[in-house]
């Protein structure tokens, strides 16, 4: 019984610590973002917060260039010139998405 109590305590502490690691929400900070420069667009990267896989932080690449890390409940953005882009993120499986970015676009 004592062993089970300790496991439950550890799970609760880890869950609370993971919740504390989440940064500010998009709605609270988006008004502070500068506008993209003329001829560029903005690509946002967002990952839902989930208790499953929350210890996994994966690198995000844009056309093969590392631009940031995917963190549970986190987001970031990059501004890039107009053009075609391939976003990829890998764990056991690689996920890719292609997109076209126009001037002033947000994706």
N, C-alpha and C. Protein backbone atom coordinates (compact mmCIF):
# COMPACT_ATOMS: atom_id res chain seq x y z
N UNK A 1 0.81 -1.18 0.00
CA UNK A 1 0.00 0.00 0.00
C UNK A 1 0.87 1.26 0.00
N UNK A 2 1.92 1.23 0.76
CA UNK A 2 2.80 2.38 0.86
C UNK A 2 3.47 2.65 -0.49
N UNK A 3 3.84 1.59 -1.20
CA UNK A 3 4.47 1.72 -2.52
C UNK A 3 3.53 2.41 -3.51
N UNK A 4 2.27 2.02 -3.50
CA UNK A 4 1.27 2.61 -4.40
C UNK A 4 1.07 4.09 -4.07
N UNK A 5 1.05 4.44 -2.82
CA UNK A 5 0.92 5.84 -2.41
C UNK A 5 2.08 6.68 -2.93
N UNK A 6 3.26 6.12 -2.88
CA UNK A 6 4.44 6.85 -3.39
C UNK A 6 4.36 7.04 -4.89
N UNK A 7 3.92 6.01 -5.59
CA UNK A 7 3.79 6.13 -7.05
C UNK A 7 2.77 7.20 -7.40
N UNK A 8 1.64 7.20 -6.72
CA UNK A 8 0.61 8.21 -6.97
C UNK A 8 1.16 9.60 -6.68
N UNK A 9 1.91 9.75 -5.60
CA UNK A 9 2.50 11.05 -5.26
C UNK A 9 3.47 11.52 -6.35
N UNK A 10 4.28 10.61 -6.84
CA UNK A 10 5.23 10.96 -7.90
C UNK A 10 4.49 11.38 -9.17
N UNK A 11 3.45 10.64 -9.54
CA UNK A 11 2.67 10.98 -10.73
C UNK A 11 2.05 12.37 -10.59
N UNK A 12 1.51 12.67 -9.43
CA UNK A 12 0.91 13.99 -9.20
C UNK A 12 1.96 15.09 -9.29
N UNK A 13 3.12 14.88 -8.69
CA UNK A 13 4.18 15.89 -8.74
C UNK A 13 4.68 16.12 -10.17
N UNK A 14 4.85 15.05 -10.92
CA UNK A 14 5.31 15.18 -12.31
C UNK A 14 4.27 15.91 -13.13
N UNK A 15 3.00 15.60 -12.94
CA UNK A 15 1.93 16.27 -13.67
C UNK A 15 1.89 17.76 -13.33
N UNK A 16 2.05 18.09 -12.06
CA UNK A 16 2.05 19.49 -11.66
C UNK A 16 3.26 20.22 -12.24
N UNK A 17 4.41 19.59 -12.23
CA UNK A 17 5.62 20.21 -12.77
C UNK A 17 5.48 20.43 -14.26
N UNK A 18 4.88 19.48 -14.96
CA UNK A 18 4.68 19.65 -16.40
C UNK A 18 3.75 20.81 -16.67
N UNK A 19 2.72 20.97 -15.85
CA UNK A 19 1.80 22.09 -16.02
C UNK A 19 2.48 23.42 -15.78
N UNK A 20 3.43 23.47 -14.87
CA UNK A 20 4.15 24.71 -14.58
C UNK A 20 5.11 25.08 -15.70
N UNK A 21 5.51 24.11 -16.51
CA UNK A 21 6.49 24.38 -17.55
C UNK A 21 5.88 25.04 -18.78
N UNK A 22 4.56 25.11 -18.84
CA UNK A 22 3.89 25.70 -19.99
C UNK A 22 4.05 27.20 -19.94
N UNK A 23 4.39 27.78 -21.08
CA UNK A 23 4.61 29.22 -21.16
C UNK A 23 3.31 29.98 -21.31
N UNK A 24 3.41 31.26 -21.65
CA UNK A 24 2.22 32.10 -21.78
C UNK A 24 1.37 31.65 -22.97
N UNK A 25 0.08 31.92 -22.89
CA UNK A 25 -0.82 31.53 -23.98
C UNK A 25 -0.69 32.51 -25.14
N UNK A 26 -1.02 32.03 -26.33
CA UNK A 26 -0.97 32.85 -27.54
C UNK A 26 -1.83 34.10 -27.37
N UNK A 27 -3.03 33.94 -26.83
CA UNK A 27 -3.94 35.08 -26.71
C UNK A 27 -3.38 36.18 -25.81
N UNK A 28 -2.53 35.81 -24.87
CA UNK A 28 -1.95 36.81 -23.96
C UNK A 28 -0.77 37.56 -24.56
N UNK A 29 -0.06 36.95 -25.49
CA UNK A 29 1.16 37.58 -26.00
C UNK A 29 1.12 37.96 -27.48
N UNK A 30 0.10 37.52 -28.21
CA UNK A 30 0.09 37.75 -29.66
C UNK A 30 0.07 39.23 -30.02
N UNK A 31 -0.51 40.07 -29.18
CA UNK A 31 -0.55 41.50 -29.48
C UNK A 31 0.83 42.15 -29.37
N UNK A 32 1.80 41.48 -28.76
CA UNK A 32 3.15 42.03 -28.62
C UNK A 32 4.06 41.65 -29.78
N UNK A 33 3.59 40.77 -30.68
CA UNK A 33 4.42 40.34 -31.80
C UNK A 33 4.56 41.47 -32.82
N UNK A 34 5.76 41.71 -33.32
CA UNK A 34 5.90 42.71 -34.38
C UNK A 34 5.28 42.19 -35.68
N UNK A 35 4.90 43.09 -36.56
CA UNK A 35 4.36 42.70 -37.86
C UNK A 35 5.49 42.13 -38.72
N UNK A 36 5.18 41.14 -39.57
CA UNK A 36 6.21 40.63 -40.49
C UNK A 36 6.66 41.73 -41.46
N UNK A 37 7.90 41.68 -41.86
CA UNK A 37 8.43 42.66 -42.82
C UNK A 37 7.73 42.50 -44.17
N UNK A 38 7.71 43.55 -44.97
CA UNK A 38 7.11 43.43 -46.31
C UNK A 38 7.79 42.30 -47.10
N UNK A 39 6.97 41.54 -47.84
CA UNK A 39 7.51 40.45 -48.65
C UNK A 39 7.75 39.17 -47.87
N UNK A 40 7.31 39.15 -46.61
CA UNK A 40 7.46 37.94 -45.80
C UNK A 40 6.10 37.53 -45.24
N UNK A 41 6.04 36.32 -44.73
CA UNK A 41 4.87 35.81 -44.05
C UNK A 41 5.31 35.16 -42.75
N UNK A 42 4.34 34.75 -41.97
CA UNK A 42 4.64 34.18 -40.66
C UNK A 42 4.10 32.75 -40.59
N UNK A 43 4.94 31.85 -40.07
CA UNK A 43 4.54 30.45 -39.86
C UNK A 43 4.55 30.19 -38.37
N UNK A 44 3.38 29.80 -37.85
CA UNK A 44 3.24 29.47 -36.43
C UNK A 44 3.36 27.96 -36.25
N UNK A 45 3.97 27.57 -35.16
CA UNK A 45 4.09 26.17 -34.78
C UNK A 45 3.47 26.04 -33.40
N UNK A 46 2.47 25.16 -33.29
CA UNK A 46 1.75 24.99 -32.04
C UNK A 46 1.58 23.50 -31.75
N UNK A 47 1.70 23.14 -30.50
CA UNK A 47 1.48 21.75 -30.09
C UNK A 47 0.54 21.73 -28.91
N UNK A 48 -0.54 20.96 -29.03
CA UNK A 48 -1.48 20.80 -27.92
C UNK A 48 -0.79 20.24 -26.70
N UNK A 49 -1.32 20.57 -25.55
CA UNK A 49 -0.81 19.99 -24.31
C UNK A 49 -1.56 18.69 -24.06
N UNK A 50 -0.84 17.63 -23.86
CA UNK A 50 -1.44 16.32 -23.63
C UNK A 50 -0.60 15.59 -22.58
N UNK A 51 -1.25 14.83 -21.72
CA UNK A 51 -0.46 14.08 -20.73
C UNK A 51 0.34 12.95 -21.37
N UNK A 52 -0.04 12.54 -22.58
CA UNK A 52 0.66 11.46 -23.26
C UNK A 52 1.77 12.05 -24.12
N UNK A 53 2.97 11.58 -23.94
CA UNK A 53 4.10 12.06 -24.72
C UNK A 53 4.60 13.43 -24.30
N UNK A 54 4.19 13.90 -23.13
CA UNK A 54 4.56 15.25 -22.72
C UNK A 54 6.05 15.40 -22.41
N UNK A 55 6.75 14.29 -22.22
CA UNK A 55 8.19 14.38 -21.96
C UNK A 55 8.97 14.48 -23.26
N UNK A 56 8.31 14.27 -24.39
CA UNK A 56 8.98 14.28 -25.69
C UNK A 56 8.98 15.68 -26.26
N UNK A 57 10.16 16.19 -26.53
CA UNK A 57 10.32 17.49 -27.20
C UNK A 57 11.05 17.20 -28.50
N UNK A 58 10.40 17.53 -29.61
CA UNK A 58 10.95 17.17 -30.91
C UNK A 58 11.41 18.40 -31.69
N UNK A 59 12.48 18.27 -32.46
CA UNK A 59 12.92 19.37 -33.30
C UNK A 59 11.97 19.58 -34.48
N UNK A 60 11.79 20.83 -34.85
CA UNK A 60 10.97 21.20 -35.99
C UNK A 60 11.89 21.78 -37.05
N UNK A 61 11.76 21.28 -38.28
CA UNK A 61 12.58 21.81 -39.37
C UNK A 61 11.68 22.44 -40.43
N UNK A 62 12.23 23.44 -41.08
CA UNK A 62 11.56 24.14 -42.17
C UNK A 62 12.53 24.12 -43.34
N UNK A 63 12.17 23.38 -44.39
CA UNK A 63 13.06 23.17 -45.54
C UNK A 63 14.44 22.67 -45.09
N UNK A 64 14.42 21.76 -44.11
CA UNK A 64 15.65 21.14 -43.64
C UNK A 64 16.42 21.94 -42.60
N UNK A 65 15.98 23.14 -42.29
CA UNK A 65 16.65 24.00 -41.29
C UNK A 65 15.93 23.89 -39.96
N UNK A 66 16.68 23.60 -38.89
CA UNK A 66 16.08 23.55 -37.55
C UNK A 66 15.63 24.95 -37.16
N UNK A 67 14.31 25.10 -36.85
CA UNK A 67 13.78 26.42 -36.49
C UNK A 67 13.28 26.50 -35.06
N UNK A 68 13.16 25.35 -34.38
CA UNK A 68 12.68 25.36 -33.01
C UNK A 68 12.36 23.96 -32.54
N UNK A 69 11.77 23.89 -31.36
CA UNK A 69 11.39 22.60 -30.78
C UNK A 69 9.91 22.59 -30.43
N UNK A 70 9.28 21.47 -30.69
CA UNK A 70 7.88 21.26 -30.38
C UNK A 70 7.76 20.83 -28.93
N UNK A 71 7.11 21.67 -28.12
CA UNK A 71 6.93 21.38 -26.71
C UNK A 71 5.44 21.31 -26.40
N UNK A 72 5.01 20.39 -25.57
CA UNK A 72 3.59 20.28 -25.24
C UNK A 72 3.03 21.59 -24.72
N UNK A 73 1.94 22.04 -25.33
CA UNK A 73 1.29 23.27 -24.91
C UNK A 73 2.04 24.53 -25.30
N UNK A 74 3.08 24.40 -26.13
CA UNK A 74 3.89 25.55 -26.50
C UNK A 74 3.68 25.97 -27.95
N UNK A 75 4.19 27.13 -28.28
CA UNK A 75 4.14 27.61 -29.66
C UNK A 75 5.33 28.53 -29.91
N UNK A 76 5.64 28.72 -31.18
CA UNK A 76 6.62 29.71 -31.61
C UNK A 76 6.32 30.04 -33.06
N UNK A 77 6.96 31.05 -33.58
CA UNK A 77 6.76 31.40 -34.98
C UNK A 77 8.07 31.81 -35.62
N UNK A 78 8.07 31.76 -36.94
CA UNK A 78 9.20 32.28 -37.72
C UNK A 78 8.62 33.09 -38.87
N UNK A 79 9.33 34.13 -39.26
CA UNK A 79 8.97 34.91 -40.43
C UNK A 79 9.91 34.50 -41.56
N UNK A 80 9.33 34.26 -42.74
CA UNK A 80 10.11 33.80 -43.89
C UNK A 80 9.65 34.51 -45.15
N UNK A 81 10.54 34.61 -46.15
CA UNK A 81 10.16 35.21 -47.43
C UNK A 81 9.07 34.38 -48.12
N UNK A 82 8.35 35.03 -49.00
CA UNK A 82 7.33 34.37 -49.81
C UNK A 82 7.95 33.16 -50.49
N UNK A 83 7.22 32.03 -50.50
CA UNK A 83 7.75 30.85 -51.17
C UNK A 83 7.09 29.57 -50.70
N UNK A 84 7.66 28.45 -51.12
CA UNK A 84 7.18 27.11 -50.77
C UNK A 84 8.03 26.56 -49.63
N UNK A 85 7.35 25.91 -48.69
CA UNK A 85 8.05 25.39 -47.52
C UNK A 85 7.56 23.99 -47.18
N UNK A 86 8.45 23.21 -46.59
CA UNK A 86 8.12 21.89 -46.06
C UNK A 86 8.49 21.89 -44.59
N UNK A 87 7.50 21.66 -43.75
CA UNK A 87 7.69 21.58 -42.31
C UNK A 87 7.75 20.11 -41.94
N UNK A 88 8.74 19.73 -41.13
CA UNK A 88 8.78 18.34 -40.67
C UNK A 88 9.13 18.28 -39.19
N UNK A 89 8.63 17.21 -38.58
CA UNK A 89 8.84 16.96 -37.16
C UNK A 89 8.91 15.44 -37.01
N UNK A 90 9.89 14.96 -36.28
CA UNK A 90 10.08 13.51 -36.18
C UNK A 90 10.17 13.03 -34.74
N UNK A 91 9.51 11.91 -34.50
CA UNK A 91 9.70 11.12 -33.28
C UNK A 91 10.04 9.73 -33.80
N UNK A 92 9.17 8.75 -33.59
CA UNK A 92 9.37 7.44 -34.20
C UNK A 92 9.01 7.50 -35.69
N UNK A 93 8.14 8.45 -36.02
CA UNK A 93 7.64 8.65 -37.38
C UNK A 93 7.87 10.10 -37.76
N UNK A 94 8.19 10.35 -39.03
CA UNK A 94 8.36 11.72 -39.51
C UNK A 94 7.04 12.21 -40.09
N UNK A 95 6.64 13.39 -39.66
CA UNK A 95 5.43 14.03 -40.18
C UNK A 95 5.88 15.25 -40.98
N UNK A 96 5.29 15.42 -42.16
CA UNK A 96 5.63 16.56 -43.01
C UNK A 96 4.36 17.21 -43.53
N UNK A 97 4.46 18.50 -43.73
CA UNK A 97 3.39 19.24 -44.38
C UNK A 97 4.03 20.29 -45.28
N UNK A 98 3.47 20.44 -46.48
CA UNK A 98 3.95 21.46 -47.42
C UNK A 98 3.00 22.64 -47.39
N UNK A 99 3.54 23.82 -47.58
CA UNK A 99 2.69 25.02 -47.60
C UNK A 99 3.29 26.09 -48.49
N UNK A 100 2.43 26.93 -48.99
CA UNK A 100 2.84 28.12 -49.75
C UNK A 100 2.63 29.32 -48.84
N UNK A 101 3.63 30.18 -48.79
CA UNK A 101 3.57 31.36 -47.94
C UNK A 101 3.61 32.61 -48.82
N UNK A 102 2.60 33.43 -48.69
CA UNK A 102 2.54 34.69 -49.43
C UNK A 102 2.89 35.85 -48.53
N UNK A 103 3.10 37.01 -49.11
CA UNK A 103 3.40 38.22 -48.34
C UNK A 103 2.26 38.56 -47.40
N UNK A 104 2.57 38.71 -46.12
CA UNK A 104 1.57 39.04 -45.11
C UNK A 104 0.76 37.86 -44.64
N UNK A 105 0.97 36.67 -45.21
CA UNK A 105 0.23 35.48 -44.80
C UNK A 105 0.66 35.00 -43.42
N UNK A 106 -0.27 34.31 -42.76
CA UNK A 106 0.02 33.57 -41.54
C UNK A 106 -0.41 32.14 -41.77
N UNK A 107 0.46 31.22 -41.48
CA UNK A 107 0.13 29.78 -41.64
C UNK A 107 0.44 29.06 -40.36
